[in-house]
Amino acid sequence: MSALTAGDRVAYAASFLRNTGQFTGSGPQRRGTFVKVWGSDSQFARVKWDDFEQNAQALAEQWGQDYVDEARENGQLVHIKNIAKVGSARFALNCME
C-alpha cells in the first residue's frame, strides 16, 4: 500500500468489508479524511469520518463524552490495514489480496 498522506480521502478497504461481511449498510459507503499515523505505532491511523457527528451521541453514550471530544479534535483510531485511499486498488470492490 502506498503511504497515506494527510488530507487523503479514505474508506474501508474492500478486504476489510468482505472479511467482516459488510456488503450493505453504511460501512461500504463510509468515507473520511486521513489525518495522520497514530503516535509511534504505525499500525493505527487517525481518520475524521464524514459521518462522525451523526454518530457522536451514540458514541458518547457508549464511550463517554471525553472520547467524543478527543475523537472530534484528532480523528478516530482505525487499523491502517482496514482503510484504503478512495480510488486505489485496495478500495476497489473486486480487489483480491
N, C-alpha and C. Protein backbone atom coordinates (compact mmCIF):
# COMPACT_ATOMS: atom_id res chain seq x y z
N MET A 1 0.84 -1.18 0.00
CA MET A 1 0.00 0.00 0.00
C MET A 1 0.88 1.24 0.00
N SER A 2 0.58 2.18 -0.86
CA SER A 2 1.34 3.42 -0.85
C SER A 2 0.97 4.19 0.41
N ALA A 3 1.91 4.93 0.90
CA ALA A 3 1.70 5.65 2.15
C ALA A 3 0.60 6.69 2.00
N LEU A 4 -0.24 6.75 3.01
CA LEU A 4 -1.28 7.78 3.04
C LEU A 4 -0.66 9.08 3.50
N THR A 5 -1.17 10.18 3.00
CA THR A 5 -0.72 11.49 3.43
C THR A 5 -1.91 12.27 3.98
N ALA A 6 -1.63 13.18 4.87
CA ALA A 6 -2.69 13.98 5.49
C ALA A 6 -3.57 14.61 4.42
N GLY A 7 -4.87 14.47 4.61
CA GLY A 7 -5.82 15.03 3.66
C GLY A 7 -6.36 14.04 2.64
N ASP A 8 -5.73 12.86 2.54
CA ASP A 8 -6.23 11.84 1.61
C ASP A 8 -7.64 11.41 2.01
N ARG A 9 -8.47 11.18 1.01
CA ARG A 9 -9.81 10.65 1.24
C ARG A 9 -9.69 9.14 1.37
N VAL A 10 -10.27 8.59 2.43
CA VAL A 10 -10.17 7.16 2.69
C VAL A 10 -11.55 6.55 2.92
N ALA A 11 -11.59 5.23 2.80
CA ALA A 11 -12.78 4.43 3.06
C ALA A 11 -12.28 3.10 3.61
N TYR A 12 -13.21 2.28 4.04
CA TYR A 12 -12.81 0.94 4.45
C TYR A 12 -12.33 0.16 3.23
N ALA A 13 -11.25 -0.61 3.41
CA ALA A 13 -10.70 -1.43 2.34
C ALA A 13 -11.69 -2.54 1.98
N ALA A 14 -11.71 -2.91 0.71
CA ALA A 14 -12.61 -3.96 0.24
C ALA A 14 -12.41 -5.25 1.03
N SER A 15 -11.17 -5.61 1.33
CA SER A 15 -10.90 -6.85 2.07
C SER A 15 -11.48 -6.79 3.48
N PHE A 16 -11.40 -5.65 4.12
CA PHE A 16 -11.98 -5.49 5.46
C PHE A 16 -13.49 -5.66 5.42
N LEU A 17 -14.14 -5.02 4.45
CA LEU A 17 -15.58 -5.13 4.32
C LEU A 17 -15.99 -6.57 4.03
N ARG A 18 -15.27 -7.22 3.15
CA ARG A 18 -15.57 -8.61 2.80
C ARG A 18 -15.37 -9.52 4.01
N ASN A 19 -14.27 -9.34 4.72
CA ASN A 19 -13.96 -10.21 5.87
C ASN A 19 -14.91 -10.01 7.04
N THR A 20 -15.54 -8.87 7.12
CA THR A 20 -16.49 -8.61 8.21
C THR A 20 -17.94 -8.72 7.75
N GLY A 21 -18.15 -9.13 6.51
CA GLY A 21 -19.49 -9.35 5.99
C GLY A 21 -20.30 -8.10 5.77
N GLN A 22 -19.63 -6.99 5.53
CA GLN A 22 -20.33 -5.71 5.34
C GLN A 22 -20.53 -5.46 3.84
N PHE A 23 -21.58 -6.06 3.30
CA PHE A 23 -21.88 -5.92 1.89
C PHE A 23 -22.94 -4.84 1.64
N THR A 24 -23.72 -4.54 2.65
CA THR A 24 -24.73 -3.49 2.57
C THR A 24 -24.63 -2.63 3.83
N GLY A 25 -25.42 -1.61 3.89
CA GLY A 25 -25.42 -0.74 5.07
C GLY A 25 -24.44 0.41 4.92
N SER A 26 -24.10 1.01 6.04
CA SER A 26 -23.29 2.23 6.00
C SER A 26 -21.79 1.96 5.85
N GLY A 27 -21.31 0.79 6.22
CA GLY A 27 -19.87 0.51 6.16
C GLY A 27 -19.25 0.74 4.79
N PRO A 28 -19.81 0.15 3.72
CA PRO A 28 -19.22 0.33 2.40
C PRO A 28 -19.30 1.77 1.89
N GLN A 29 -20.21 2.55 2.42
CA GLN A 29 -20.38 3.93 1.97
C GLN A 29 -19.57 4.93 2.80
N ARG A 30 -19.00 4.50 3.91
CA ARG A 30 -18.33 5.40 4.83
C ARG A 30 -17.06 5.99 4.22
N ARG A 31 -16.91 7.29 4.34
CA ARG A 31 -15.74 8.00 3.83
C ARG A 31 -15.22 8.92 4.92
N GLY A 32 -13.94 9.24 4.82
CA GLY A 32 -13.33 10.13 5.79
C GLY A 32 -12.06 10.73 5.24
N THR A 33 -11.42 11.51 6.07
CA THR A 33 -10.16 12.16 5.71
C THR A 33 -9.06 11.64 6.63
N PHE A 34 -7.99 11.13 6.02
CA PHE A 34 -6.84 10.66 6.78
C PHE A 34 -6.16 11.85 7.45
N VAL A 35 -5.92 11.73 8.75
CA VAL A 35 -5.26 12.81 9.49
C VAL A 35 -3.77 12.52 9.65
N LYS A 36 -3.46 11.36 10.24
CA LYS A 36 -2.06 11.01 10.47
C LYS A 36 -1.98 9.60 11.03
N VAL A 37 -0.76 9.08 11.05
CA VAL A 37 -0.49 7.83 11.75
C VAL A 37 -0.48 8.16 13.23
N TRP A 38 -1.00 7.24 14.03
CA TRP A 38 -1.15 7.49 15.46
C TRP A 38 0.16 7.33 16.21
N GLY A 39 0.65 8.40 16.77
CA GLY A 39 1.86 8.38 17.59
C GLY A 39 2.99 7.61 16.96
N SER A 40 3.61 6.74 17.74
CA SER A 40 4.75 5.97 17.24
C SER A 40 4.32 4.60 16.72
N ASP A 41 3.03 4.27 16.80
CA ASP A 41 2.54 2.98 16.35
C ASP A 41 1.97 3.11 14.95
N SER A 42 2.75 2.69 13.96
CA SER A 42 2.34 2.87 12.57
C SER A 42 1.24 1.90 12.13
N GLN A 43 0.72 1.09 13.05
CA GLN A 43 -0.37 0.18 12.71
C GLN A 43 -1.74 0.85 12.79
N PHE A 44 -1.79 2.01 13.40
CA PHE A 44 -3.07 2.70 13.58
C PHE A 44 -3.02 4.10 12.98
N ALA A 45 -4.17 4.53 12.48
CA ALA A 45 -4.28 5.84 11.86
C ALA A 45 -5.40 6.63 12.52
N ARG A 46 -5.34 7.92 12.38
CA ARG A 46 -6.41 8.82 12.79
C ARG A 46 -7.19 9.21 11.55
N VAL A 47 -8.50 9.03 11.60
CA VAL A 47 -9.39 9.37 10.49
C VAL A 47 -10.54 10.21 11.01
N LYS A 48 -10.82 11.30 10.32
CA LYS A 48 -12.01 12.10 10.62
C LYS A 48 -13.09 11.66 9.64
N TRP A 49 -14.00 10.83 10.14
CA TRP A 49 -15.07 10.30 9.31
C TRP A 49 -16.12 11.35 9.03
N ASP A 50 -16.65 11.34 7.82
CA ASP A 50 -17.67 12.31 7.42
C ASP A 50 -18.94 12.19 8.26
N ASP A 51 -19.25 10.98 8.73
CA ASP A 51 -20.48 10.75 9.48
C ASP A 51 -20.30 10.83 11.00
N PHE A 52 -19.18 11.36 11.45
CA PHE A 52 -18.88 11.37 12.88
C PHE A 52 -19.99 12.05 13.70
N GLU A 53 -20.42 13.20 13.28
CA GLU A 53 -21.42 13.94 14.07
C GLU A 53 -22.75 13.18 14.16
N GLN A 54 -23.08 12.43 13.13
CA GLN A 54 -24.30 11.62 13.16
C GLN A 54 -24.21 10.52 14.22
N ASN A 55 -23.00 10.08 14.51
CA ASN A 55 -22.77 9.00 15.47
C ASN A 55 -22.32 9.49 16.84
N ALA A 56 -22.08 10.77 16.99
CA ALA A 56 -21.47 11.31 18.21
C ALA A 56 -22.28 11.00 19.47
N GLN A 57 -23.59 11.14 19.42
CA GLN A 57 -24.41 10.89 20.61
C GLN A 57 -24.31 9.43 21.06
N ALA A 58 -24.41 8.52 20.11
CA ALA A 58 -24.30 7.10 20.45
C ALA A 58 -22.90 6.77 20.99
N LEU A 59 -21.88 7.38 20.41
CA LEU A 59 -20.51 7.16 20.89
C LEU A 59 -20.34 7.70 22.30
N ALA A 60 -20.94 8.85 22.58
CA ALA A 60 -20.86 9.43 23.93
C ALA A 60 -21.55 8.53 24.95
N GLU A 61 -22.68 7.96 24.58
CA GLU A 61 -23.39 7.07 25.50
C GLU A 61 -22.60 5.80 25.77
N GLN A 62 -21.90 5.31 24.75
CA GLN A 62 -21.13 4.08 24.91
C GLN A 62 -19.76 4.30 25.54
N TRP A 63 -19.04 5.33 25.10
CA TRP A 63 -17.65 5.52 25.49
C TRP A 63 -17.40 6.75 26.35
N GLY A 64 -18.37 7.65 26.46
CA GLY A 64 -18.21 8.86 27.27
C GLY A 64 -17.93 10.09 26.42
N GLN A 65 -18.30 11.23 26.95
CA GLN A 65 -18.14 12.48 26.22
C GLN A 65 -16.67 12.83 25.99
N ASP A 66 -15.79 12.42 26.91
CA ASP A 66 -14.37 12.71 26.72
C ASP A 66 -13.82 12.01 25.48
N TYR A 67 -14.30 10.79 25.19
CA TYR A 67 -13.91 10.10 23.96
C TYR A 67 -14.36 10.89 22.74
N VAL A 68 -15.61 11.33 22.76
CA VAL A 68 -16.16 12.08 21.62
C VAL A 68 -15.37 13.36 21.40
N ASP A 69 -15.08 14.08 22.47
CA ASP A 69 -14.33 15.33 22.35
C ASP A 69 -12.95 15.10 21.75
N GLU A 70 -12.27 14.04 22.22
CA GLU A 70 -10.93 13.74 21.72
C GLU A 70 -10.98 13.28 20.26
N ALA A 71 -11.96 12.45 19.92
CA ALA A 71 -12.09 11.96 18.54
C ALA A 71 -12.49 13.09 17.60
N ARG A 72 -13.33 14.00 18.06
CA ARG A 72 -13.74 15.13 17.23
C ARG A 72 -12.52 16.00 16.89
N GLU A 73 -11.64 16.17 17.85
CA GLU A 73 -10.46 17.01 17.64
C GLU A 73 -9.37 16.32 16.82
N ASN A 74 -9.13 15.04 17.09
CA ASN A 74 -7.98 14.35 16.50
C ASN A 74 -8.31 13.28 15.47
N GLY A 75 -9.57 12.90 15.36
CA GLY A 75 -9.96 11.80 14.49
C GLY A 75 -10.04 10.50 15.28
N GLN A 76 -10.77 9.55 14.74
CA GLN A 76 -10.90 8.25 15.39
C GLN A 76 -9.79 7.32 14.96
N LEU A 77 -9.44 6.38 15.85
CA LEU A 77 -8.40 5.41 15.53
C LEU A 77 -8.97 4.26 14.70
N VAL A 78 -8.23 3.84 13.71
CA VAL A 78 -8.59 2.70 12.88
C VAL A 78 -7.30 2.00 12.47
N HIS A 79 -7.34 0.67 12.41
CA HIS A 79 -6.15 -0.06 11.98
C HIS A 79 -5.86 0.31 10.53
N ILE A 80 -4.61 0.57 10.25
CA ILE A 80 -4.21 1.07 8.94
C ILE A 80 -4.55 0.08 7.82
N LYS A 81 -4.56 -1.23 8.11
CA LYS A 81 -4.90 -2.23 7.09
C LYS A 81 -6.38 -2.23 6.75
N ASN A 82 -7.20 -1.61 7.58
CA ASN A 82 -8.65 -1.62 7.35
C ASN A 82 -9.14 -0.45 6.51
N ILE A 83 -8.24 0.44 6.14
CA ILE A 83 -8.64 1.58 5.31
C ILE A 83 -7.82 1.62 4.03
N ALA A 84 -8.35 2.30 3.05
CA ALA A 84 -7.67 2.44 1.76
C ALA A 84 -8.01 3.80 1.18
N LYS A 85 -7.08 4.32 0.40
CA LYS A 85 -7.32 5.58 -0.30
C LYS A 85 -8.44 5.36 -1.32
N VAL A 86 -9.40 6.26 -1.34
CA VAL A 86 -10.51 6.15 -2.29
C VAL A 86 -9.95 6.14 -3.71
N GLY A 87 -10.38 5.16 -4.48
CA GLY A 87 -9.92 5.01 -5.86
C GLY A 87 -8.74 4.08 -6.03
N SER A 88 -8.12 3.65 -4.94
CA SER A 88 -6.96 2.75 -5.05
C SER A 88 -7.41 1.31 -5.29
N ALA A 89 -6.46 0.45 -5.59
CA ALA A 89 -6.77 -0.97 -5.81
C ALA A 89 -7.33 -1.61 -4.55
N ARG A 90 -6.84 -1.24 -3.38
CA ARG A 90 -7.34 -1.81 -2.12
C ARG A 90 -8.77 -1.36 -1.84
N PHE A 91 -9.16 -0.24 -2.40
CA PHE A 91 -10.51 0.29 -2.24
C PHE A 91 -11.50 -0.44 -3.15
N ALA A 92 -11.04 -0.86 -4.31
CA ALA A 92 -11.93 -1.45 -5.33
C ALA A 92 -12.61 -2.71 -4.79
N LEU A 93 -13.86 -2.86 -5.09
CA LEU A 93 -14.62 -3.99 -4.59
C LEU A 93 -14.19 -5.32 -5.19
N ASN A 94 -13.50 -5.29 -6.32
CA ASN A 94 -13.04 -6.54 -6.93
C ASN A 94 -11.60 -6.84 -6.57
N CYS A 95 -11.06 -6.16 -5.59
CA CYS A 95 -9.67 -6.33 -5.18
C CYS A 95 -9.48 -7.69 -4.51
N MET A 96 -8.49 -8.41 -4.92
CA MET A 96 -8.14 -9.69 -4.29
C MET A 96 -6.75 -9.53 -3.71
N GLU A 97 -6.63 -9.75 -2.41
CA GLU A 97 -5.31 -9.62 -1.77
C GLU A 97 -4.73 -10.97 -1.46
